[in-house]
Protein backbone atom coordinates (compact mmCIF):
# COMPACT_ATOMS: atom_id res chain seq x y z
CA MET A 1 5.19 -8.57 37.44
CA LYS A 2 5.05 -5.46 39.57
CA ARG A 3 2.08 -4.82 41.80
CA ASN A 4 1.26 -1.63 39.88
CA GLN A 5 1.10 -3.53 36.59
CA VAL A 6 -1.26 -6.09 38.11
CA GLN A 7 -3.52 -3.30 39.39
CA VAL A 8 -3.61 -1.66 35.96
CA ILE A 9 -4.47 -4.96 34.29
CA VAL A 10 -7.23 -5.71 36.81
CA LEU A 11 -8.63 -2.17 36.45
CA SER A 12 -8.61 -2.47 32.65
CA LEU A 13 -10.32 -5.85 32.68
CA THR A 14 -12.93 -4.63 35.16
CA GLY A 15 -13.61 -1.56 33.04
CA THR A 16 -13.97 -3.68 29.94
CA LEU A 17 -16.37 -6.15 31.54
CA ALA A 18 -18.40 -3.32 33.05
CA SER A 19 -18.65 -1.55 29.70
CA ILE A 20 -19.85 -4.74 28.02
CA SER A 21 -22.49 -5.48 30.65
CA ILE A 22 -23.72 -1.89 30.92
CA GLY A 23 -23.68 -1.57 27.14
CA TYR A 24 -25.79 -4.70 26.78
CA SER A 25 -28.28 -3.38 29.34
CA GLY A 26 -28.31 -0.05 27.53
CA VAL A 27 -29.18 -1.61 24.21
CA GLN A 28 -31.96 -3.65 25.81
CA PHE A 29 -33.56 -0.67 27.51
CA PHE A 30 -32.62 2.41 25.49
CA GLY A 31 -31.51 1.30 22.03
CA LYS A 32 -28.34 0.98 19.97
CA ASN A 33 -27.14 4.58 20.26
CA ALA A 34 -27.33 4.47 24.07
CA MET A 35 -25.17 1.35 24.05
CA TYR A 36 -22.46 3.16 22.10
CA MET A 37 -22.56 6.19 24.41
CA ILE A 38 -22.40 4.10 27.58
CA ALA A 39 -19.61 1.87 26.25
CA THR A 40 -17.58 4.90 25.19
CA GLY A 41 -18.06 6.53 28.59
CA MET A 42 -16.94 3.41 30.44
CA LEU A 43 -13.94 3.05 28.16
CA GLY A 44 -13.01 6.65 28.92
CA LEU A 45 -13.36 6.08 32.65
CA GLY A 46 -11.19 2.97 32.52
CA THR A 47 -8.53 4.71 30.48
CA GLY A 48 -8.59 7.77 32.71
CA GLY A 49 -8.23 5.62 35.82
CA ALA A 50 -5.27 3.72 34.39
CA ILE A 51 -3.50 6.90 33.25
CA GLY A 52 -4.20 8.59 36.59
CA GLN A 53 -2.67 5.68 38.46
CA ILE A 54 0.45 5.79 36.28
CA LEU A 55 0.82 9.54 36.87
CA VAL A 56 0.52 9.07 40.64
CA GLU A 57 3.23 6.40 40.56
CA LYS A 58 5.55 8.68 38.58
CA ARG A 59 5.12 11.44 41.16
CA LYS A 60 6.09 9.05 43.93
CA GLN A 61 9.43 8.23 42.31
CA ARG A 62 12.29 9.96 44.04
CA VAL A 63 14.77 12.03 42.10
CA VAL A 64 18.32 11.81 43.40
CA GLN A 65 20.65 14.63 42.46
CA THR A 66 24.33 14.53 43.15
CA GLN A 67 26.49 17.58 43.69
CA LEU A 68 30.16 17.76 42.87
CA ARG A 69 32.53 18.74 45.69
CA GLN A 70 34.67 21.75 44.99
């Protein structure tokens, strides 16, 4: 597996675990609706981080163009 794939997997798992723990705390302190809002926010942050990392990697890829000799 590539290093980038491992980083994306670790970031996704961390985001998921954080959303579960923060969501549980939210429901204990603020109620059910707060849990849904917090979990959705964390899911969005995790998704945004993963997509951002993929976009950065795509920008780093070099494009090689060849020219024909005349």
